[in-house]
Amino acid sequence: MRVLITGFEPFGGEPINPALQAVMKIEKKLGHIEVIKASLPVVFHQSIDVLEQLIRLNKPDVVICVGQAGGRASVTLERVGINVDDARIPDNKGKTPADQRINPKGPDAYFSTLPIKAIVSAINDRGIPAQVSNSAGTYVCNHILYGLCDYIASNDLEIKGGFMHVPFAPEQAVKNPVQPSMSIDDIVRAIETTIIVSCTVKDDIAVADGSTH
């Protein structure tokens, strides 16, 4: 099995991105799984172009994109990507799209094809807080989740794909004292678990893990 795992470069004035830091610490081999690591730009559309090139070059069986979600206390596996860009802050090229469709001809949304509930359960079993998330926002993280799923569907590819968010690293929380954080080592362990479960679990588990609001 071959997995492509990506992390975003820093954005929003932050000097680091814990998603990228953790991704780059993942071993290149996890048992029988080959891991290919890459960085993505925090730029609307360019990020999708780079990801598509990586998929064509590496021909992975699974693609997992990872991003920073400052303010969240848990690792969160995203359930759905929606077909809208609505940027509260500029991307790293200064773009601030408002209420724009990512693919004007695409469906309104795509669901992740990763076994997200099995992943959450396995991460929690390792003593790391994890949850299912029902919104990836409307910034570049949602943009890349939608773009990944759209590329897979449009090209009829046999690839599992999805997105996970991670909290701030502790050094970021020093400047944001009311925000939760998670160590890079725990984020690495959560990503490794996500890779392994994505490659070994065919059908997701059926457990109630939704939200009331």
C-alpha atoms as a PDB file:
ATOM      1  CA  MET A   1       0.000   0.000   0.000  1.00  0.00           C
ATOM      2  CA  ARG A   2       1.124   3.530  -0.761  1.00  0.00           C
ATOM      3  CA  VAL A   3      -0.108   6.577   1.137  1.00  0.00           C
ATOM      4  CA  LEU A   4       0.340  10.214   0.176  1.00  0.00           C
ATOM      5  CA  ILE A   5       0.218  12.406   3.279  1.00  0.00           C
ATOM      6  CA  THR A   6       0.324  16.202   3.005  1.00  0.00           C
ATOM      7  CA  GLY A   7       0.624  19.115   5.423  1.00  0.00           C
ATOM      8  CA  PHE A   8       0.086  22.806   4.792  1.00  0.00           C
ATOM      9  CA  GLU A   9       2.753  25.479   5.045  1.00  0.00           C
ATOM     10  CA  PRO A  10       2.318  28.107   7.820  1.00  0.00           C
ATOM     11  CA  PHE A  11      -0.410  30.715   7.321  1.00  0.00           C
ATOM     12  CA  GLY A  12      -2.309  33.452   9.091  1.00  0.00           C
ATOM     13  CA  GLY A  13       0.825  34.962  10.603  1.00  0.00           C
ATOM     14  CA  GLU A  14       1.826  31.775  12.439  1.00  0.00           C
ATOM     15  CA  PRO A  15       5.562  30.918  12.201  1.00  0.00           C
ATOM     16  CA  ILE A  16       4.884  27.177  12.068  1.00  0.00           C
ATOM     17  CA  ASN A  17       2.170  24.778  11.012  1.00  0.00           C
ATOM     18  CA  PRO A  18       1.913  21.739  13.326  1.00  0.00           C
ATOM     19  CA  ALA A  19       0.293  19.740  10.531  1.00  0.00           C
ATOM     20  CA  LEU A  20       3.376  20.055   8.329  1.00  0.00           C
ATOM     21  CA  GLN A  21       5.787  19.574  11.232  1.00  0.00           C
ATOM     22  CA  ALA A  22       4.089  16.318  12.190  1.00  0.00           C
ATOM     23  CA  VAL A  23       3.727  15.038   8.632  1.00  0.00           C
ATOM     24  CA  MET A  24       7.449  15.464   8.019  1.00  0.00           C
ATOM     25  CA  LYS A  25       8.242  13.363  11.103  1.00  0.00           C
ATOM     26  CA  ILE A  26       6.291  10.333   9.853  1.00  0.00           C
ATOM     27  CA  GLU A  27       8.495   7.370   8.928  1.00  0.00           C
ATOM     28  CA  LYS A  28       8.724   6.531   5.230  1.00  0.00           C
ATOM     29  CA  LYS A  29       7.664   2.958   5.973  1.00  0.00           C
ATOM     30  CA  LEU A  30       4.982   1.869   8.443  1.00  0.00           C
ATOM     31  CA  GLY A  31       5.111  -1.908   8.193  1.00  0.00           C
ATOM     32  CA  HIS A  32       4.037  -2.761   4.646  1.00  0.00           C
ATOM     33  CA  ILE A  33       2.820   0.802   4.010  1.00  0.00           C
ATOM     34  CA  GLU A  34       4.946   3.168   1.931  1.00  0.00           C
ATOM     35  CA  VAL A  35       4.494   6.788   3.018  1.00  0.00           C
ATOM     36  CA  ILE A  36       5.067   9.730   0.673  1.00  0.00           C
ATOM     37  CA  LYS A  37       5.168  13.126   2.408  1.00  0.00           C
ATOM     38  CA  ALA A  38       4.612  16.533   0.839  1.00  0.00           C
ATOM     39  CA  SER A  39       3.871  20.168   1.629  1.00  0.00           C
ATOM     40  CA  LEU A  40       0.965  22.078   0.123  1.00  0.00           C
ATOM     41  CA  PRO A  41       0.684  25.857  -0.319  1.00  0.00           C
ATOM     42  CA  VAL A  42      -2.075  27.670   1.567  1.00  0.00           C
ATOM     43  CA  VAL A  43      -3.378  29.106  -1.684  1.00  0.00           C
ATOM     44  CA  PHE A  44      -6.791  28.571  -3.233  1.00  0.00           C
ATOM     45  CA  HIS A  45      -6.663  26.434  -6.422  1.00  0.00           C
ATOM     46  CA  GLN A  46      -2.859  26.279  -6.477  1.00  0.00           C
ATOM     47  CA  SER A  47      -3.086  23.825  -3.577  1.00  0.00           C
ATOM     48  CA  ILE A  48      -5.363  21.563  -5.627  1.00  0.00           C
ATOM     49  CA  ASP A  49      -3.057  21.798  -8.650  1.00  0.00           C
ATOM     50  CA  VAL A  50      -0.078  20.712  -6.535  1.00  0.00           C
ATOM     51  CA  LEU A  51      -2.033  17.856  -4.952  1.00  0.00           C
ATOM     52  CA  GLU A  52      -3.231  16.573  -8.321  1.00  0.00           C
ATOM     53  CA  GLN A  53       0.357  16.563  -9.594  1.00  0.00           C
ATOM     54  CA  LEU A  54       1.459  14.594  -6.538  1.00  0.00           C
ATOM     55  CA  ILE A  55      -1.302  12.037  -7.089  1.00  0.00           C
ATOM     56  CA  ARG A  56      -0.428  11.593 -10.767  1.00  0.00           C
ATOM     57  CA  LEU A  57       3.273  11.234  -9.943  1.00  0.00           C
ATOM     58  CA  ASN A  58       3.005   8.870  -6.957  1.00  0.00           C
ATOM     59  CA  LYS A  59      -0.180   6.895  -7.736  1.00  0.00           C
ATOM     60  CA  PRO A  60      -1.161   6.394  -4.081  1.00  0.00           C
ATOM     61  CA  ASP A  61      -3.827   4.048  -2.757  1.00  0.00           C
ATOM     62  CA  VAL A  62      -4.756   6.529  -0.006  1.00  0.00           C
ATOM     63  CA  VAL A  63      -4.467  10.319   0.231  1.00  0.00           C
ATOM     64  CA  ILE A  64      -4.672  12.030   3.619  1.00  0.00           C
ATOM     65  CA  CYS A  65      -4.368  15.808   3.842  1.00  0.00           C
ATOM     66  CA  VAL A  66      -3.655  17.395   7.223  1.00  0.00           C
ATOM     67  CA  GLY A  67      -4.269  20.967   8.334  1.00  0.00           C
ATOM     68  CA  GLN A  68      -4.155  23.209  11.395  1.00  0.00           C
ATOM     69  CA  ALA A  69      -7.343  24.094  13.254  1.00  0.00           C
ATOM     70  CA  GLY A  70      -6.375  26.560  15.951  1.00  0.00           C
ATOM     71  CA  GLY A  71      -8.954  26.467  18.730  1.00  0.00           C
ATOM     72  CA  ARG A  72      -9.794  22.781  18.478  1.00  0.00           C
ATOM     73  CA  ALA A  73      -8.717  20.599  21.383  1.00  0.00           C
ATOM     74  CA  SER A  74      -8.833  17.277  19.511  1.00  0.00           C
ATOM     75  CA  VAL A  75      -7.602  15.754  16.311  1.00  0.00           C
ATOM     76  CA  THR A  76     -10.651  15.899  14.046  1.00  0.00           C
ATOM     77  CA  LEU A  77     -11.447  13.680  11.068  1.00  0.00           C
ATOM     78  CA  GLU A  78     -13.513  15.642   8.586  1.00  0.00           C
ATOM     79  CA  ARG A  79     -16.703  14.037   7.310  1.00  0.00           C
ATOM     80  CA  VAL A  80     -17.496  16.346   4.380  1.00  0.00           C
ATOM     81  CA  GLY A  81     -16.031  18.971   2.063  1.00  0.00           C
ATOM     82  CA  ILE A  82     -18.418  21.577   0.621  1.00  0.00           C
ATOM     83  CA  ASN A  83     -18.263  23.368  -2.716  1.00  0.00           C
ATOM     84  CA  VAL A  84     -17.610  26.894  -1.461  1.00  0.00           C
ATOM     85  CA  ASP A  85     -14.681  29.203  -0.757  1.00  0.00           C
ATOM     86  CA  ASP A  86     -15.430  31.958   1.762  1.00  0.00           C
ATOM     87  CA  ALA A  87     -12.200  33.307   3.227  1.00  0.00           C
ATOM     88  CA  ARG A  88     -12.256  35.311   6.469  1.00  0.00           C
ATOM     89  CA  ILE A  89      -8.475  35.822   6.157  1.00  0.00           C
ATOM     90  CA  PRO A  90      -6.330  36.020   3.002  1.00  0.00           C
ATOM     91  CA  ASP A  91      -4.536  32.950   1.723  1.00  0.00           C
ATOM     92  CA  ASN A  92      -0.758  33.137   1.319  1.00  0.00           C
ATOM     93  CA  LYS A  93      -1.170  34.929  -2.010  1.00  0.00           C
ATOM     94  CA  GLY A  94      -3.554  37.502  -0.576  1.00  0.00           C
ATOM     95  CA  LYS A  95      -6.702  35.977  -2.107  1.00  0.00           C
ATOM     96  CA  THR A  96      -9.971  36.337  -0.189  1.00  0.00           C
ATOM     97  CA  PRO A  97     -12.721  34.652  -2.236  1.00  0.00           C
ATOM     98  CA  ALA A  98     -16.247  35.191  -0.925  1.00  0.00           C
ATOM     99  CA  ASP A  99     -19.079  32.748  -1.604  1.00  0.00           C
ATOM    100  CA  GLN A 100     -17.332  31.265  -4.647  1.00  0.00           C
ATOM    101  CA  ARG A 101     -17.852  27.689  -5.798  1.00  0.00           C
ATOM    102  CA  ILE A 102     -14.663  25.624  -5.935  1.00  0.00           C
ATOM    103  CA  ASN A 103     -15.885  23.774  -9.028  1.00  0.00           C
ATOM    104  CA  PRO A 104     -18.788  25.604 -10.707  1.00  0.00           C
ATOM    105  CA  LYS A 105     -19.890  22.340 -12.334  1.00  0.00           C
ATOM    106  CA  GLY A 106     -19.282  20.090  -9.343  1.00  0.00           C
ATOM    107  CA  PRO A 107     -21.711  18.742  -6.728  1.00  0.00           C
ATOM    108  CA  ASP A 108     -22.445  20.699  -3.586  1.00  0.00           C
ATOM    109  CA  ALA A 109     -20.411  18.373  -1.370  1.00  0.00           C
ATOM    110  CA  TYR A 110     -18.323  15.212  -1.153  1.00  0.00           C
ATOM    111  CA  PHE A 111     -17.988  12.850   1.788  1.00  0.00           C
ATOM    112  CA  SER A 112     -14.591  11.601   2.888  1.00  0.00           C
ATOM    113  CA  THR A 113     -13.926   8.020   1.864  1.00  0.00           C
ATOM    114  CA  LEU A 114     -11.644   7.355   4.833  1.00  0.00           C
ATOM    115  CA  PRO A 115     -13.028   5.132   7.641  1.00  0.00           C
ATOM    116  CA  ILE A 116     -13.306   8.186   9.868  1.00  0.00           C
ATOM    117  CA  LYS A 117     -15.091   6.603  12.841  1.00  0.00           C
ATOM    118  CA  ALA A 118     -12.703   3.661  12.958  1.00  0.00           C
ATOM    119  CA  ILE A 119      -9.813   6.149  12.841  1.00  0.00           C
ATOM    120  CA  VAL A 120     -11.257   8.238  15.675  1.00  0.00           C
ATOM    121  CA  SER A 121     -11.763   5.114  17.792  1.00  0.00           C
ATOM    122  CA  ALA A 122      -8.200   3.924  17.177  1.00  0.00           C
ATOM    123  CA  ILE A 123      -6.686   7.333  17.989  1.00  0.00           C
ATOM    124  CA  ASN A 124      -8.711   7.565  21.207  1.00  0.00           C
ATOM    125  CA  ASP A 125      -7.525   4.063  22.123  1.00  0.00           C
ATOM    126  CA  ARG A 126      -3.967   5.456  22.048  1.00  0.00           C
ATOM    127  CA  GLY A 127      -4.889   8.072  24.632  1.00  0.00           C
ATOM    128  CA  ILE A 128      -5.108  10.968  22.155  1.00  0.00           C
ATOM    129  CA  PRO A 129      -8.354  12.953  21.896  1.00  0.00           C
ATOM    130  CA  ALA A 130     -10.035  12.637  18.502  1.00  0.00           C
ATOM    131  CA  GLN A 131     -13.489  13.357  17.114  1.00  0.00           C
ATOM    132  CA  VAL A 132     -15.464  13.370  13.888  1.00  0.00           C
ATOM    133  CA  SER A 133     -15.970  16.901  12.545  1.00  0.00           C
ATOM    134  CA  ASN A 134     -18.899  17.861  10.352  1.00  0.00           C
ATOM    135  CA  SER A 135     -17.363  21.083   9.048  1.00  0.00           C
ATOM    136  CA  ALA A 136     -13.921  21.673   7.591  1.00  0.00           C
ATOM    137  CA  GLY A 137     -14.655  25.395   7.396  1.00  0.00           C
ATOM    138  CA  THR A 138     -14.613  27.371   4.146  1.00  0.00           C
ATOM    139  CA  TYR A 139     -10.897  28.168   3.939  1.00  0.00           C
ATOM    140  CA  VAL A 140      -8.105  26.276   2.147  1.00  0.00           C
ATOM    141  CA  CYS A 141      -8.521  23.121   4.273  1.00  0.00           C
ATOM    142  CA  ASN A 142     -12.082  22.609   3.062  1.00  0.00           C
ATOM    143  CA  HIS A 143     -10.928  23.680  -0.400  1.00  0.00           C
ATOM    144  CA  ILE A 144      -8.351  20.883  -0.572  1.00  0.00           C
ATOM    145  CA  LEU A 145     -10.747  18.268   0.848  1.00  0.00           C
ATOM    146  CA  TYR A 146     -13.352  19.121  -1.753  1.00  0.00           C
ATOM    147  CA  GLY A 147     -10.735  19.352  -4.500  1.00  0.00           C
ATOM    148  CA  LEU A 148      -9.232  15.977  -3.576  1.00  0.00           C
ATOM    149  CA  CYS A 149     -12.601  14.222  -3.574  1.00  0.00           C
ATOM    150  CA  ASP A 150     -13.633  15.974  -6.804  1.00  0.00           C
ATOM    151  CA  TYR A 151     -10.426  14.853  -8.525  1.00  0.00           C
ATOM    152  CA  ILE A 152     -10.898  11.250  -7.377  1.00  0.00           C
ATOM    153  CA  ALA A 153     -14.549  11.173  -8.462  1.00  0.00           C
ATOM    154  CA  SER A 154     -14.018  12.977 -11.784  1.00  0.00           C
ATOM    155  CA  ASN A 155     -11.235  10.581 -12.775  1.00  0.00           C
ATOM    156  CA  ASP A 156     -12.937   7.446 -11.398  1.00  0.00           C
ATOM    157  CA  LEU A 157      -9.891   6.606  -9.285  1.00  0.00           C
ATOM    158  CA  GLU A 158      -9.740   3.738  -6.785  1.00  0.00           C
ATOM    159  CA  ILE A 159      -8.266   5.957  -4.074  1.00  0.00           C
ATOM    160  CA  LYS A 160      -9.417   6.559  -0.507  1.00  0.00           C
ATOM    161  CA  GLY A 161      -9.188  10.217   0.368  1.00  0.00           C
ATOM    162  CA  GLY A 162      -9.912  12.564   3.230  1.00  0.00           C
ATOM    163  CA  PHE A 163      -8.758  15.284   5.595  1.00  0.00           C
ATOM    164  CA  MET A 164      -7.841  15.651   9.249  1.00  0.00           C
ATOM    165  CA  HIS A 165      -7.374  18.774  11.348  1.00  0.00           C
ATOM    166  CA  VAL A 166      -4.923  19.061  14.241  1.00  0.00           C
ATOM    167  CA  PRO A 167      -4.744  21.576  17.124  1.00  0.00           C
ATOM    168  CA  PHE A 168      -2.123  24.244  17.701  1.00  0.00           C
ATOM    169  CA  ALA A 169       1.309  23.107  18.885  1.00  0.00           C
ATOM    170  CA  PRO A 170       2.248  24.215  22.435  1.00  0.00           C
ATOM    171  CA  GLU A 171       4.577  26.976  21.207  1.00  0.00           C
ATOM    172  CA  GLN A 172       1.647  28.510  19.323  1.00  0.00           C
ATOM    173  CA  ALA A 173      -0.559  28.350  22.411  1.00  0.00           C
ATOM    174  CA  VAL A 174       1.999  30.431  24.309  1.00  0.00           C
ATOM    175  CA  LYS A 175       0.954  33.358  22.110  1.00  0.00           C
ATOM    176  CA  ASN A 176      -2.692  32.278  22.199  1.00  0.00           C
ATOM    177  CA  PRO A 177      -3.112  31.472  25.908  1.00  0.00           C
ATOM    178  CA  VAL A 178      -6.840  30.663  25.762  1.00  0.00           C
ATOM    179  CA  GLN A 179      -6.358  28.164  22.926  1.00  0.00           C
ATOM    180  CA  PRO A 180      -5.802  24.423  23.478  1.00  0.00           C
ATOM    181  CA  SER A 181      -2.748  22.681  22.076  1.00  0.00           C
ATOM    182  CA  MET A 182      -1.318  19.237  21.408  1.00  0.00           C
ATOM    183  CA  SER A 183       2.295  18.070  21.285  1.00  0.00           C
ATOM    184  CA  ILE A 184       3.801  17.361  17.890  1.00  0.00           C
ATOM    185  CA  ASP A 185       4.643  13.831  19.087  1.00  0.00           C
ATOM    186  CA  ASP A 186       0.964  13.122  19.838  1.00  0.00           C
ATOM    187  CA  ILE A 187      -0.041  14.582  16.480  1.00  0.00           C
ATOM    188  CA  VAL A 188       2.500  12.283  14.800  1.00  0.00           C
ATOM    189  CA  ARG A 189       1.027   9.283  16.609  1.00  0.00           C
ATOM    190  CA  ALA A 190      -2.482  10.319  15.543  1.00  0.00           C
ATOM    191  CA  ILE A 191      -1.418  10.651  11.906  1.00  0.00           C
ATOM    192  CA  GLU A 192       0.367   7.293  11.971  1.00  0.00           C
ATOM    193  CA  THR A 193      -2.782   5.699  13.350  1.00  0.00           C
ATOM    194  CA  THR A 194      -4.852   7.375  10.638  1.00  0.00           C
ATOM    195  CA  ILE A 195      -2.542   5.985   7.947  1.00  0.00           C
ATOM    196  CA  ILE A 196      -2.609   2.434   9.326  1.00  0.00           C
ATOM    197  CA  VAL A 197      -6.379   2.311   9.864  1.00  0.00           C
ATOM    198  CA  SER A 198      -7.037   3.822   6.419  1.00  0.00           C
ATOM    199  CA  CYS A 199      -4.972   1.048   4.840  1.00  0.00           C
ATOM    200  CA  THR A 200      -6.335  -1.859   6.891  1.00  0.00           C
ATOM    201  CA  VAL A 201     -10.028  -1.102   7.504  1.00  0.00           C
ATOM    202  CA  LYS A 202     -12.268  -1.707   4.512  1.00  0.00           C
ATOM    203  CA  ASP A 203     -15.638  -0.724   5.960  1.00  0.00           C
ATOM    204  CA  ASP A 204     -16.069   1.942   8.602  1.00  0.00           C
ATOM    205  CA  ILE A 205     -17.586   1.058  11.965  1.00  0.00           C
ATOM    206  CA  ALA A 206     -21.204   2.059  12.634  1.00  0.00           C
ATOM    207  CA  VAL A 207     -21.262   3.953  15.914  1.00  0.00           C
ATOM    208  CA  ALA A 208     -23.186   7.063  16.895  1.00  0.00           C
ATOM    209  CA  ASP A 209     -20.730   9.939  16.975  1.00  0.00           C
ATOM    210  CA  GLY A 210     -22.683  12.885  15.647  1.00  0.00           C
ATOM    211  CA  SER A 211     -23.443  16.290  17.119  1.00  0.00           C
ATOM    212  CA  THR A 212     -26.639  18.076  18.106  1.00  0.00           C
ATOM    213  CA  HIS A 213     -25.535  21.456  16.781  1.00  0.00           C
END
